[in-house]
Structures are given as C-alpha cells and as structure tokens.
N, C-alpha and C. Protein backbone atom coordinates (compact mmCIF):
# COMPACT_ATOMS: atom_id res chain seq x y z
N MET A 1 4.18 13.45 4.33
CA MET A 1 5.11 14.03 5.26
C MET A 1 5.04 13.25 6.56
N GLN A 2 6.18 12.91 7.08
CA GLN A 2 6.25 12.16 8.33
C GLN A 2 5.72 13.01 9.48
N GLY A 3 4.86 12.41 10.30
CA GLY A 3 4.32 13.11 11.46
C GLY A 3 3.31 14.19 11.10
N ALA A 4 2.79 14.19 9.88
CA ALA A 4 1.85 15.22 9.44
C ALA A 4 0.52 15.10 10.15
N ASP A 5 -0.22 16.21 10.21
CA ASP A 5 -1.58 16.20 10.75
C ASP A 5 -2.47 15.55 9.70
N LYS A 6 -2.91 14.34 9.98
CA LYS A 6 -3.69 13.56 9.02
C LYS A 6 -5.19 13.70 9.23
N GLY A 7 -5.57 14.54 10.20
CA GLY A 7 -6.99 14.73 10.46
C GLY A 7 -7.58 13.55 11.20
N GLN A 8 -8.85 13.67 11.54
CA GLN A 8 -9.55 12.62 12.26
C GLN A 8 -10.44 11.85 11.30
N THR A 9 -10.47 10.54 11.45
CA THR A 9 -11.37 9.74 10.63
C THR A 9 -12.38 9.06 11.55
N ALA A 10 -13.55 8.86 11.03
CA ALA A 10 -14.59 8.16 11.77
C ALA A 10 -14.94 6.88 11.01
N HIS A 11 -13.95 6.31 10.33
CA HIS A 11 -14.24 5.14 9.51
C HIS A 11 -14.60 3.93 10.36
N GLU A 12 -15.37 3.06 9.74
CA GLU A 12 -15.72 1.81 10.39
C GLU A 12 -14.48 0.93 10.44
N GLY A 13 -14.57 -0.12 11.19
CA GLY A 13 -13.46 -1.06 11.26
C GLY A 13 -13.35 -1.89 10.00
N GLY A 14 -12.42 -2.80 10.02
CA GLY A 14 -12.15 -3.62 8.85
C GLY A 14 -12.82 -4.97 8.84
N GLN A 15 -13.77 -5.19 9.73
CA GLN A 15 -14.45 -6.48 9.78
C GLN A 15 -15.08 -6.79 8.43
N GLY A 16 -14.83 -8.00 7.96
CA GLY A 16 -15.43 -8.46 6.70
C GLY A 16 -14.71 -8.01 5.45
N LEU A 17 -13.68 -7.20 5.58
CA LEU A 17 -12.93 -6.75 4.40
C LEU A 17 -11.86 -7.78 4.03
N ARG A 18 -11.68 -7.94 2.72
CA ARG A 18 -10.57 -8.76 2.20
C ARG A 18 -9.56 -7.81 1.57
N ILE A 19 -8.33 -7.88 2.04
CA ILE A 19 -7.27 -6.97 1.61
C ILE A 19 -6.11 -7.78 1.04
N ALA A 20 -5.56 -7.32 -0.08
CA ALA A 20 -4.36 -7.93 -0.65
C ALA A 20 -3.22 -6.93 -0.57
N ILE A 21 -2.08 -7.41 -0.20
CA ILE A 21 -0.85 -6.62 -0.13
C ILE A 21 0.10 -7.11 -1.22
N VAL A 22 0.67 -6.18 -1.98
CA VAL A 22 1.73 -6.50 -2.93
C VAL A 22 2.98 -5.80 -2.45
N GLN A 23 3.99 -6.60 -2.11
CA GLN A 23 5.23 -6.08 -1.54
C GLN A 23 6.40 -6.32 -2.47
N ALA A 24 7.17 -5.26 -2.74
CA ALA A 24 8.40 -5.37 -3.51
C ALA A 24 9.50 -5.94 -2.62
N ARG A 25 10.31 -6.85 -3.18
CA ARG A 25 11.44 -7.40 -2.44
C ARG A 25 12.65 -6.45 -2.44
N PHE A 26 12.75 -5.58 -3.43
CA PHE A 26 13.87 -4.64 -3.47
C PHE A 26 13.83 -3.78 -2.21
N ASN A 27 14.95 -3.61 -1.55
CA ASN A 27 15.02 -2.94 -0.24
C ASN A 27 14.13 -3.67 0.78
N GLN A 28 14.26 -4.99 0.80
CA GLN A 28 13.36 -5.83 1.58
C GLN A 28 13.40 -5.58 3.08
N GLY A 29 14.51 -5.13 3.60
CA GLY A 29 14.53 -4.79 5.02
C GLY A 29 13.48 -3.74 5.35
N ILE A 30 13.35 -2.76 4.48
CA ILE A 30 12.35 -1.70 4.66
C ILE A 30 10.96 -2.24 4.37
N THR A 31 10.80 -2.94 3.24
CA THR A 31 9.46 -3.37 2.86
C THR A 31 8.90 -4.45 3.80
N ASP A 32 9.78 -5.25 4.41
CA ASP A 32 9.30 -6.22 5.41
C ASP A 32 8.69 -5.50 6.61
N THR A 33 9.32 -4.42 7.04
CA THR A 33 8.79 -3.65 8.17
C THR A 33 7.50 -2.95 7.78
N LEU A 34 7.44 -2.40 6.57
CA LEU A 34 6.19 -1.81 6.09
C LEU A 34 5.06 -2.85 6.14
N ALA A 35 5.33 -4.04 5.64
CA ALA A 35 4.31 -5.09 5.59
C ALA A 35 3.90 -5.53 6.99
N GLN A 36 4.86 -5.71 7.86
CA GLN A 36 4.55 -6.14 9.22
C GLN A 36 3.68 -5.11 9.93
N SER A 37 4.05 -3.84 9.86
CA SER A 37 3.26 -2.81 10.55
C SER A 37 1.89 -2.65 9.90
N CYS A 38 1.80 -2.81 8.59
CA CYS A 38 0.52 -2.73 7.90
C CYS A 38 -0.39 -3.87 8.34
N LYS A 39 0.12 -5.09 8.33
CA LYS A 39 -0.70 -6.24 8.71
C LYS A 39 -1.14 -6.16 10.17
N GLU A 40 -0.25 -5.73 11.04
CA GLU A 40 -0.61 -5.59 12.45
C GLU A 40 -1.74 -4.58 12.63
N GLU A 41 -1.68 -3.48 11.90
CA GLU A 41 -2.72 -2.45 12.00
C GLU A 41 -4.03 -2.94 11.38
N LEU A 42 -3.95 -3.65 10.27
CA LEU A 42 -5.17 -4.21 9.67
C LEU A 42 -5.89 -5.11 10.67
N VAL A 43 -5.14 -5.97 11.33
CA VAL A 43 -5.73 -6.88 12.32
C VAL A 43 -6.27 -6.10 13.51
N ARG A 44 -5.52 -5.10 13.96
CA ARG A 44 -5.98 -4.28 15.08
C ARG A 44 -7.30 -3.60 14.75
N LEU A 45 -7.48 -3.24 13.48
CA LEU A 45 -8.70 -2.55 13.05
C LEU A 45 -9.82 -3.53 12.64
N GLY A 46 -9.59 -4.82 12.83
CA GLY A 46 -10.67 -5.78 12.65
C GLY A 46 -10.62 -6.67 11.43
N VAL A 47 -9.62 -6.52 10.58
CA VAL A 47 -9.50 -7.41 9.42
C VAL A 47 -8.98 -8.76 9.93
N ALA A 48 -9.64 -9.83 9.55
CA ALA A 48 -9.20 -11.16 9.95
C ALA A 48 -7.89 -11.51 9.25
N LYS A 49 -6.97 -12.15 9.96
CA LYS A 49 -5.69 -12.54 9.36
C LYS A 49 -5.91 -13.36 8.09
N ALA A 50 -6.93 -14.21 8.10
CA ALA A 50 -7.22 -15.06 6.94
C ALA A 50 -7.70 -14.25 5.74
N ASP A 51 -8.11 -13.01 5.96
CA ASP A 51 -8.60 -12.14 4.88
C ASP A 51 -7.54 -11.18 4.37
N ILE A 52 -6.28 -11.43 4.74
CA ILE A 52 -5.16 -10.63 4.24
C ILE A 52 -4.30 -11.53 3.37
N ASP A 53 -4.25 -11.23 2.08
CA ASP A 53 -3.40 -11.96 1.13
C ASP A 53 -2.13 -11.15 0.92
N HIS A 54 -1.00 -11.82 0.90
CA HIS A 54 0.29 -11.14 0.81
C HIS A 54 1.07 -11.74 -0.36
N HIS A 55 1.43 -10.89 -1.31
CA HIS A 55 2.15 -11.32 -2.50
C HIS A 55 3.43 -10.51 -2.66
N PHE A 56 4.44 -11.12 -3.25
CA PHE A 56 5.74 -10.48 -3.45
C PHE A 56 6.04 -10.32 -4.94
N VAL A 57 6.70 -9.21 -5.26
CA VAL A 57 7.20 -8.96 -6.61
C VAL A 57 8.65 -8.49 -6.48
N PRO A 58 9.41 -8.53 -7.58
CA PRO A 58 10.82 -8.14 -7.48
C PRO A 58 11.05 -6.70 -7.03
N GLY A 59 10.34 -5.74 -7.64
CA GLY A 59 10.59 -4.34 -7.31
C GLY A 59 9.36 -3.49 -7.52
N ALA A 60 9.53 -2.18 -7.35
CA ALA A 60 8.40 -1.25 -7.42
C ALA A 60 7.75 -1.22 -8.80
N LEU A 61 8.51 -1.39 -9.86
CA LEU A 61 7.92 -1.34 -11.20
C LEU A 61 7.00 -2.52 -11.47
N GLU A 62 7.17 -3.61 -10.75
CA GLU A 62 6.33 -4.79 -10.94
C GLU A 62 5.04 -4.75 -10.11
N ILE A 63 4.96 -3.84 -9.17
CA ILE A 63 3.79 -3.75 -8.29
C ILE A 63 2.49 -3.51 -9.07
N PRO A 64 2.43 -2.55 -10.01
CA PRO A 64 1.16 -2.30 -10.69
C PRO A 64 0.59 -3.51 -11.44
N LEU A 65 1.43 -4.30 -12.05
CA LEU A 65 0.94 -5.47 -12.79
C LEU A 65 0.31 -6.48 -11.83
N ALA A 66 0.94 -6.72 -10.70
CA ALA A 66 0.37 -7.64 -9.71
C ALA A 66 -0.94 -7.08 -9.16
N LEU A 67 -0.98 -5.78 -8.90
CA LEU A 67 -2.22 -5.15 -8.43
C LEU A 67 -3.32 -5.30 -9.46
N LYS A 68 -3.00 -5.12 -10.72
CA LYS A 68 -3.99 -5.23 -11.78
C LYS A 68 -4.57 -6.64 -11.84
N ALA A 69 -3.72 -7.65 -11.74
CA ALA A 69 -4.19 -9.03 -11.75
C ALA A 69 -5.10 -9.30 -10.56
N LEU A 70 -4.73 -8.80 -9.39
CA LEU A 70 -5.57 -8.98 -8.20
C LEU A 70 -6.89 -8.23 -8.34
N ALA A 71 -6.85 -7.01 -8.85
CA ALA A 71 -8.08 -6.23 -9.03
C ALA A 71 -9.02 -6.92 -10.01
N ALA A 72 -8.47 -7.49 -11.08
CA ALA A 72 -9.29 -8.16 -12.09
C ALA A 72 -10.00 -9.38 -11.53
N ARG A 73 -9.41 -10.02 -10.53
CA ARG A 73 -10.06 -11.18 -9.91
C ARG A 73 -11.33 -10.79 -9.18
N GLY A 74 -11.37 -9.57 -8.66
CA GLY A 74 -12.57 -9.09 -7.98
C GLY A 74 -12.83 -9.72 -6.62
N SER A 75 -11.83 -10.31 -6.02
CA SER A 75 -12.05 -11.00 -4.74
C SER A 75 -11.57 -10.20 -3.53
N HIS A 76 -11.12 -8.97 -3.74
CA HIS A 76 -10.64 -8.13 -2.64
C HIS A 76 -11.41 -6.81 -2.60
N ASP A 77 -11.54 -6.28 -1.40
CA ASP A 77 -12.19 -4.98 -1.23
C ASP A 77 -11.22 -3.83 -1.44
N ALA A 78 -9.93 -4.10 -1.24
CA ALA A 78 -8.91 -3.06 -1.38
C ALA A 78 -7.54 -3.71 -1.48
N LEU A 79 -6.59 -2.92 -1.96
CA LEU A 79 -5.23 -3.39 -2.18
C LEU A 79 -4.23 -2.44 -1.52
N VAL A 80 -3.05 -2.97 -1.23
CA VAL A 80 -1.97 -2.17 -0.66
C VAL A 80 -0.71 -2.41 -1.48
N ALA A 81 -0.05 -1.33 -1.88
CA ALA A 81 1.22 -1.39 -2.60
C ALA A 81 2.34 -0.98 -1.65
N LEU A 82 3.31 -1.87 -1.43
CA LEU A 82 4.42 -1.57 -0.53
C LEU A 82 5.75 -1.71 -1.27
N GLY A 83 6.53 -0.65 -1.24
CA GLY A 83 7.83 -0.67 -1.88
C GLY A 83 8.71 0.42 -1.31
N CYS A 84 9.95 0.42 -1.75
CA CYS A 84 10.89 1.43 -1.29
C CYS A 84 11.90 1.72 -2.40
N VAL A 85 11.90 2.97 -2.85
CA VAL A 85 12.83 3.42 -3.88
C VAL A 85 13.69 4.51 -3.25
N ILE A 86 14.99 4.25 -3.20
CA ILE A 86 15.93 5.20 -2.60
C ILE A 86 16.75 5.84 -3.71
N ARG A 87 16.82 7.17 -3.67
CA ARG A 87 17.53 7.91 -4.71
C ARG A 87 18.97 7.42 -4.86
N GLY A 88 19.35 7.25 -6.10
CA GLY A 88 20.73 6.87 -6.40
C GLY A 88 21.41 8.00 -7.16
N GLU A 89 22.41 7.64 -7.93
CA GLU A 89 23.19 8.64 -8.64
C GLU A 89 22.68 8.91 -10.04
N THR A 90 21.66 8.17 -10.48
CA THR A 90 21.20 8.32 -11.86
C THR A 90 19.72 8.70 -11.90
N TYR A 91 19.24 8.94 -13.10
CA TYR A 91 17.85 9.31 -13.35
C TYR A 91 16.89 8.14 -13.08
N HIS A 92 17.41 6.95 -12.91
CA HIS A 92 16.59 5.75 -12.71
C HIS A 92 15.61 5.93 -11.54
N PHE A 93 16.01 6.63 -10.50
CA PHE A 93 15.13 6.88 -9.35
C PHE A 93 13.83 7.53 -9.79
N GLU A 94 13.93 8.60 -10.58
CA GLU A 94 12.74 9.31 -11.03
C GLU A 94 11.85 8.42 -11.88
N LEU A 95 12.45 7.63 -12.75
CA LEU A 95 11.66 6.73 -13.60
C LEU A 95 10.89 5.72 -12.76
N VAL A 96 11.56 5.08 -11.83
CA VAL A 96 10.91 4.06 -11.00
C VAL A 96 9.84 4.70 -10.12
N ALA A 97 10.17 5.81 -9.49
CA ALA A 97 9.21 6.48 -8.60
C ALA A 97 7.97 6.93 -9.38
N ASN A 98 8.18 7.60 -10.49
CA ASN A 98 7.05 8.13 -11.26
C ASN A 98 6.21 7.04 -11.91
N GLU A 99 6.86 6.08 -12.54
CA GLU A 99 6.12 5.04 -13.26
C GLU A 99 5.39 4.09 -12.32
N SER A 100 5.97 3.76 -11.20
CA SER A 100 5.27 2.87 -10.26
C SER A 100 4.06 3.59 -9.67
N ALA A 101 4.21 4.85 -9.33
CA ALA A 101 3.08 5.62 -8.78
C ALA A 101 1.96 5.76 -9.81
N ALA A 102 2.33 6.07 -11.04
CA ALA A 102 1.31 6.22 -12.09
C ALA A 102 0.60 4.90 -12.34
N GLY A 103 1.33 3.81 -12.32
CA GLY A 103 0.72 2.49 -12.54
C GLY A 103 -0.24 2.11 -11.43
N VAL A 104 0.13 2.38 -10.19
CA VAL A 104 -0.75 2.08 -9.05
C VAL A 104 -2.03 2.90 -9.16
N THR A 105 -1.90 4.17 -9.45
CA THR A 105 -3.07 5.04 -9.58
C THR A 105 -3.98 4.56 -10.72
N ARG A 106 -3.39 4.21 -11.83
CA ARG A 106 -4.17 3.75 -12.98
C ARG A 106 -4.97 2.50 -12.66
N VAL A 107 -4.37 1.55 -11.94
CA VAL A 107 -5.09 0.32 -11.57
C VAL A 107 -6.29 0.66 -10.70
N GLY A 108 -6.09 1.51 -9.72
CA GLY A 108 -7.19 1.88 -8.83
C GLY A 108 -8.34 2.53 -9.58
N LEU A 109 -8.01 3.44 -10.47
CA LEU A 109 -9.05 4.14 -11.24
C LEU A 109 -9.73 3.21 -12.25
N ASP A 110 -8.93 2.42 -12.95
CA ASP A 110 -9.50 1.52 -13.96
C ASP A 110 -10.41 0.47 -13.36
N HIS A 111 -10.06 -0.03 -12.18
CA HIS A 111 -10.83 -1.11 -11.56
C HIS A 111 -11.73 -0.62 -10.43
N GLN A 112 -11.71 0.67 -10.17
CA GLN A 112 -12.51 1.26 -9.10
C GLN A 112 -12.32 0.49 -7.78
N ILE A 113 -11.07 0.32 -7.42
CA ILE A 113 -10.72 -0.36 -6.18
C ILE A 113 -9.74 0.53 -5.41
N PRO A 114 -9.95 0.69 -4.11
CA PRO A 114 -9.01 1.50 -3.33
C PRO A 114 -7.64 0.82 -3.25
N ILE A 115 -6.61 1.62 -3.41
CA ILE A 115 -5.24 1.12 -3.26
C ILE A 115 -4.46 2.12 -2.40
N ALA A 116 -3.91 1.64 -1.31
CA ALA A 116 -3.01 2.45 -0.51
C ALA A 116 -1.63 2.34 -1.14
N ASN A 117 -1.13 3.43 -1.67
CA ASN A 117 0.17 3.44 -2.33
C ASN A 117 1.23 3.86 -1.32
N VAL A 118 1.95 2.88 -0.82
CA VAL A 118 3.03 3.15 0.12
C VAL A 118 4.33 2.63 -0.48
N ILE A 119 4.65 3.19 -1.63
CA ILE A 119 5.96 2.97 -2.22
C ILE A 119 6.78 4.18 -1.78
N LEU A 120 7.58 3.97 -0.76
CA LEU A 120 8.40 5.06 -0.24
C LEU A 120 9.37 5.53 -1.31
N THR A 121 9.54 6.82 -1.44
CA THR A 121 10.54 7.40 -2.33
C THR A 121 11.35 8.38 -1.49
N THR A 122 12.55 7.98 -1.16
CA THR A 122 13.36 8.77 -0.24
C THR A 122 14.72 9.09 -0.85
N ASP A 123 15.36 10.10 -0.26
CA ASP A 123 16.69 10.47 -0.72
C ASP A 123 17.77 9.54 -0.20
N ASN A 124 17.50 8.88 0.94
CA ASN A 124 18.53 8.02 1.53
C ASN A 124 17.90 6.96 2.43
N LEU A 125 18.71 6.03 2.86
CA LEU A 125 18.24 4.93 3.70
C LEU A 125 17.71 5.44 5.04
N ALA A 126 18.33 6.44 5.61
CA ALA A 126 17.88 6.96 6.91
C ALA A 126 16.43 7.46 6.83
N GLN A 127 16.09 8.13 5.74
CA GLN A 127 14.71 8.60 5.58
C GLN A 127 13.74 7.43 5.45
N ALA A 128 14.14 6.40 4.75
CA ALA A 128 13.28 5.21 4.61
C ALA A 128 13.09 4.53 5.97
N LEU A 129 14.16 4.37 6.71
CA LEU A 129 14.07 3.74 8.03
C LEU A 129 13.17 4.54 8.96
N ALA A 130 13.23 5.86 8.87
CA ALA A 130 12.43 6.71 9.75
C ALA A 130 10.94 6.61 9.43
N ARG A 131 10.59 6.16 8.24
CA ARG A 131 9.19 6.15 7.80
C ARG A 131 8.56 4.76 7.76
N GLN A 132 9.35 3.73 7.86
CA GLN A 132 8.87 2.38 7.57
C GLN A 132 7.71 1.90 8.45
N VAL A 133 7.69 2.22 9.72
CA VAL A 133 6.60 1.78 10.60
C VAL A 133 5.37 2.66 10.40
N GLU A 134 5.55 3.97 10.48
CA GLU A 134 4.42 4.90 10.37
C GLU A 134 3.68 4.73 9.05
N LYS A 135 4.40 4.58 7.97
CA LYS A 135 3.75 4.47 6.66
C LYS A 135 3.06 3.13 6.49
N GLY A 136 3.56 2.08 7.11
CA GLY A 136 2.86 0.80 7.08
C GLY A 136 1.52 0.89 7.81
N VAL A 137 1.52 1.56 8.96
CA VAL A 137 0.28 1.78 9.71
C VAL A 137 -0.67 2.66 8.89
N ASP A 138 -0.15 3.72 8.30
CA ASP A 138 -0.96 4.60 7.45
C ASP A 138 -1.64 3.81 6.33
N ALA A 139 -0.90 2.90 5.71
CA ALA A 139 -1.45 2.11 4.61
C ALA A 139 -2.70 1.36 5.05
N ALA A 140 -2.64 0.74 6.21
CA ALA A 140 -3.78 -0.02 6.72
C ALA A 140 -4.96 0.90 6.99
N GLN A 141 -4.71 2.02 7.60
CA GLN A 141 -5.80 2.95 7.93
C GLN A 141 -6.44 3.52 6.67
N VAL A 142 -5.63 3.89 5.71
CA VAL A 142 -6.13 4.46 4.46
C VAL A 142 -6.95 3.43 3.70
N VAL A 143 -6.45 2.22 3.59
CA VAL A 143 -7.13 1.22 2.77
C VAL A 143 -8.48 0.84 3.38
N ILE A 144 -8.56 0.77 4.70
CA ILE A 144 -9.84 0.46 5.34
C ILE A 144 -10.82 1.61 5.16
N GLU A 145 -10.35 2.83 5.38
CA GLU A 145 -11.24 3.98 5.22
C GLU A 145 -11.79 4.06 3.80
N MET A 146 -10.93 3.88 2.82
CA MET A 146 -11.37 3.98 1.43
C MET A 146 -12.26 2.81 1.03
N ALA A 147 -11.98 1.60 1.52
CA ALA A 147 -12.84 0.46 1.22
C ALA A 147 -14.23 0.68 1.78
N GLN A 148 -14.31 1.20 2.98
CA GLN A 148 -15.62 1.48 3.59
C GLN A 148 -16.34 2.60 2.84
N LEU A 149 -15.61 3.61 2.44
CA LEU A 149 -16.21 4.70 1.67
C LEU A 149 -16.80 4.19 0.37
N LEU A 150 -16.02 3.40 -0.38
CA LEU A 150 -16.51 2.90 -1.66
C LEU A 150 -17.68 1.94 -1.47
N ARG A 151 -17.66 1.15 -0.42
CA ARG A 151 -18.82 0.29 -0.12
C ARG A 151 -20.07 1.14 0.04
N GLY A 152 -19.95 2.22 0.79
CA GLY A 152 -21.09 3.11 1.01
C GLY A 152 -21.56 3.79 -0.26
N LEU A 153 -20.62 4.19 -1.11
CA LEU A 153 -20.98 4.88 -2.35
C LEU A 153 -21.65 3.94 -3.37
N LYS A 154 -21.37 2.64 -3.27
CA LYS A 154 -21.95 1.67 -4.21
C LYS A 154 -23.37 1.28 -3.82
N ARG A 155 -23.78 1.62 -2.61
CA ARG A 155 -25.13 1.25 -2.16
C ARG A 155 -26.18 2.07 -2.86
C-alpha cells in the first residue's frame, strides 16, 4: 500500500553487499524510474556503485529466469525484481501478475537468497506513476535489510 506504515528498521547499511537488479523493459518509463530510485537508495545506504549489477529482460514473466541464473552463480547477497504490469482488458494481467510473483518467490526460497519483488501490479498508468519512486526506494531498503538478516542467520 502506498504511504503505508512500514515500521522502523534498525538494519545495518549496505557496505560490502553485492546486489543484482533485474528490470523488465515492458512499461520501461515506469521501470526506469523504479531502477533509478532503487539504485540511488542502495548507494545512499552504503552499497558501492560497482557492487550493483543491472540486467534487463523483456517483461515481468522473464524476471524469474534471470533471477534464477543470478542466484545460481552465488555472487550476490541479494536480488531485486523490477517490473510493471498494468491491468488491461483481458485475463492476461492476472496470469502475468500471478506467475511472475510466484516465480520470484520460488527463486528466493529455492536458492535461499533475499529478493525484493517490486513488480508493480496496478489498475492503470496513474497508479503506477504514483508508486514508481517510493517502491524503488522500498526495494533497496528491503533487500539490504533481508541480506543483513540472512547474513546474521547463517553465522
């Protein structure tokens, strides 16, 4: 929910973390802004620019496969999925939204790697535009918090 009370976090910064971003090109005006705000927040929180890998895929359905390949390499502490699915006139919206989300979740669980899933699913372009900056920032904050949590749990 936009503007929701997200609680307070006491997570460590992102120093030393390697993060990969997978961005869908579909609705690229929105996903470019998501990526820009995510990367700016990652850097603000201490992730070195050189430790942020950015990859592109055609659309939201292709995101999980790219995430899986990155997770299998084992060279990143966390991953970010960025996409935008806007409701149309057919059932295709539900298929893309549900299958991309399920795929992202499955990769994270199978590979035990944190993934910030910021594939926006909105009813219209106005809703996507209203969320593009905030959700990009959220992605960075979530991925750092979860990467630090999993680091601590593995000790």
